C-alpha atoms as a PDB file:
ATOM      1  CA  MET A   1      24.319-112.513-126.221  1.00  0.00           C
ATOM      2  CA  ILE A   2      21.344-112.726-128.568  1.00  0.00           C
ATOM      3  CA  LYS A   3      17.992-112.043-126.974  1.00  0.00           C
ATOM      4  CA  GLU A   4      14.979-113.810-128.368  1.00  0.00           C
ATOM      5  CA  ARG A   5      11.520-112.304-128.467  1.00  0.00           C
ATOM      6  CA  TYR A   6       9.924-112.337-125.046  1.00  0.00           C
ATOM      7  CA  LYS A   7       6.630-111.392-123.449  1.00  0.00           C
ATOM      8  CA  GLU A   8       5.943-109.304-120.343  1.00  0.00           C
ATOM      9  CA  GLU A   9       2.652-109.618-118.530  1.00  0.00           C
ATOM     10  CA  TYR A  10       1.279-106.829-116.367  1.00  0.00           C
ATOM     11  CA  GLU A  11      -1.366-106.878-113.651  1.00  0.00           C
ATOM     12  CA  GLU A  12      -3.515-104.383-115.567  1.00  0.00           C
ATOM     13  CA  GLY A  13      -4.059-107.059-118.173  1.00  0.00           C
ATOM     14  CA  SER A  14      -1.804-105.696-120.877  1.00  0.00           C
ATOM     15  CA  ASP A  15       0.912-107.865-122.340  1.00  0.00           C
ATOM     16  CA  LEU A  16       3.937-106.560-124.191  1.00  0.00           C
ATOM     17  CA  ILE A  17       5.890-108.580-126.718  1.00  0.00           C
ATOM     18  CA  TRP A  18       9.449-107.339-127.040  1.00  0.00           C
ATOM     19  CA  PRO A  19      11.345-107.901-130.308  1.00  0.00           C
ATOM     20  CA  SER A  20      14.383-110.088-130.650  1.00  0.00           C
ATOM     21  CA  ASP A  21      17.767-108.449-131.259  1.00  0.00           C
ATOM     22  CA  LYS A  22      17.561-109.249-134.971  1.00  0.00           C
ATOM     23  CA  GLU A  23      14.061-107.752-135.314  1.00  0.00           C
ATOM     24  CA  ASP A  24      15.118-104.696-133.308  1.00  0.00           C
ATOM     25  CA  LYS A  25      18.191-104.136-135.509  1.00  0.00           C
ATOM     26  CA  ILE A  26      16.119-104.398-138.707  1.00  0.00           C
ATOM     27  CA  THR A  27      13.466-102.022-137.346  1.00  0.00           C
ATOM     28  CA  ARG A  28      16.054 -99.455-136.271  1.00  0.00           C
ATOM     29  CA  GLN A  29      17.744 -99.613-139.685  1.00  0.00           C
ATOM     30  CA  PHE A  30      14.362 -99.157-141.410  1.00  0.00           C
ATOM     31  CA  TYR A  31      13.586 -95.998-139.432  1.00  0.00           C
ATOM     32  CA  LYS A  32      17.122 -94.684-139.957  1.00  0.00           C
ATOM     33  CA  ASP A  33      16.781 -95.175-143.732  1.00  0.00           C
ATOM     34  CA  LEU A  34      13.323 -93.597-143.667  1.00  0.00           C
ATOM     35  CA  SER A  35      14.678 -90.575-141.806  1.00  0.00           C
ATOM     36  CA  ILE A  36      17.519 -90.113-144.312  1.00  0.00           C
ATOM     37  CA  LEU A  37      15.114 -90.422-147.244  1.00  0.00           C
ATOM     38  CA  SER A  38      12.740 -87.907-145.662  1.00  0.00           C
ATOM     39  CA  LYS A  39      15.565 -85.390-145.204  1.00  0.00           C
ATOM     40  CA  LYS A  40      16.593 -85.792-148.855  1.00  0.00           C
ATOM     41  CA  ILE A  41      13.012 -85.280-150.052  1.00  0.00           C
ATOM     42  CA  ASN A  42      12.565 -82.171-147.880  1.00  0.00           C
ATOM     43  CA  TYR A  43      15.876 -80.741-149.133  1.00  0.00           C
ATOM     44  CA  SER A  44      14.838 -81.395-152.735  1.00  0.00           C
ATOM     45  CA  LYS A  45      11.485 -79.641-152.205  1.00  0.00           C
ATOM     46  CA  LYS A  46      13.184 -76.610-150.640  1.00  0.00           C
ATOM     47  CA  LYS A  47      15.663 -76.439-153.500  1.00  0.00           C
ATOM     48  CA  LYS A  48      12.850 -76.536-156.099  1.00  0.00           C
ATOM     49  CA  LEU A  49      10.909 -73.864-154.199  1.00  0.00           C
ATOM     50  CA  LYS A  50      13.943 -71.562-154.108  1.00  0.00           C
ATOM     51  CA  LEU A  51      14.426 -72.030-157.854  1.00  0.00           C
ATOM     52  CA  PHE A  52      10.745 -71.199-158.433  1.00  0.00           C
ATOM     53  CA  GLU A  53      11.049 -68.093-156.251  1.00  0.00           C
ATOM     54  CA  GLN A  54      14.081 -66.934-158.238  1.00  0.00           C
ATOM     55  CA  VAL A  55      12.237 -67.393-161.541  1.00  0.00           C
ATOM     56  CA  VAL A  56       9.265 -65.387-160.227  1.00  0.00           C
ATOM     57  CA  ARG A  57      11.594 -62.574-159.076  1.00  0.00           C
ATOM     58  CA  ILE A  58      13.274 -62.453-162.485  1.00  0.00           C
ATOM     59  CA  ILE A  59       9.905 -62.303-164.258  1.00  0.00           C
ATOM     60  CA  LYS A  60       8.701 -59.522-161.935  1.00  0.00           C
ATOM     61  CA  ASP A  61      11.904 -57.510-162.399  1.00  0.00           C
ATOM     62  CA  LYS A  62      11.770 -57.763-166.192  1.00  0.00           C
ATOM     63  CA  GLY A  63       8.074 -56.868-166.226  1.00  0.00           C
ATOM     64  CA  CYS A  64       8.576 -53.757-164.123  1.00  0.00           C
ATOM     65  CA  GLY A  65      11.696 -52.525-165.934  1.00  0.00           C
END
């Protein structure tokens, strides 16, 4: 069963337009991809920060010794 876009009207005066199944599937996939990309970017930033911290520790140790 494929649902088409439909509209709901409420007494308060607000109307909601619900997406079709195809639009909903595309939107969900977009946010899933965005979430995965965001996790990869955050992981990459953490990895770079840890590398930077290690370099700073090495420099401090060699300077003190």
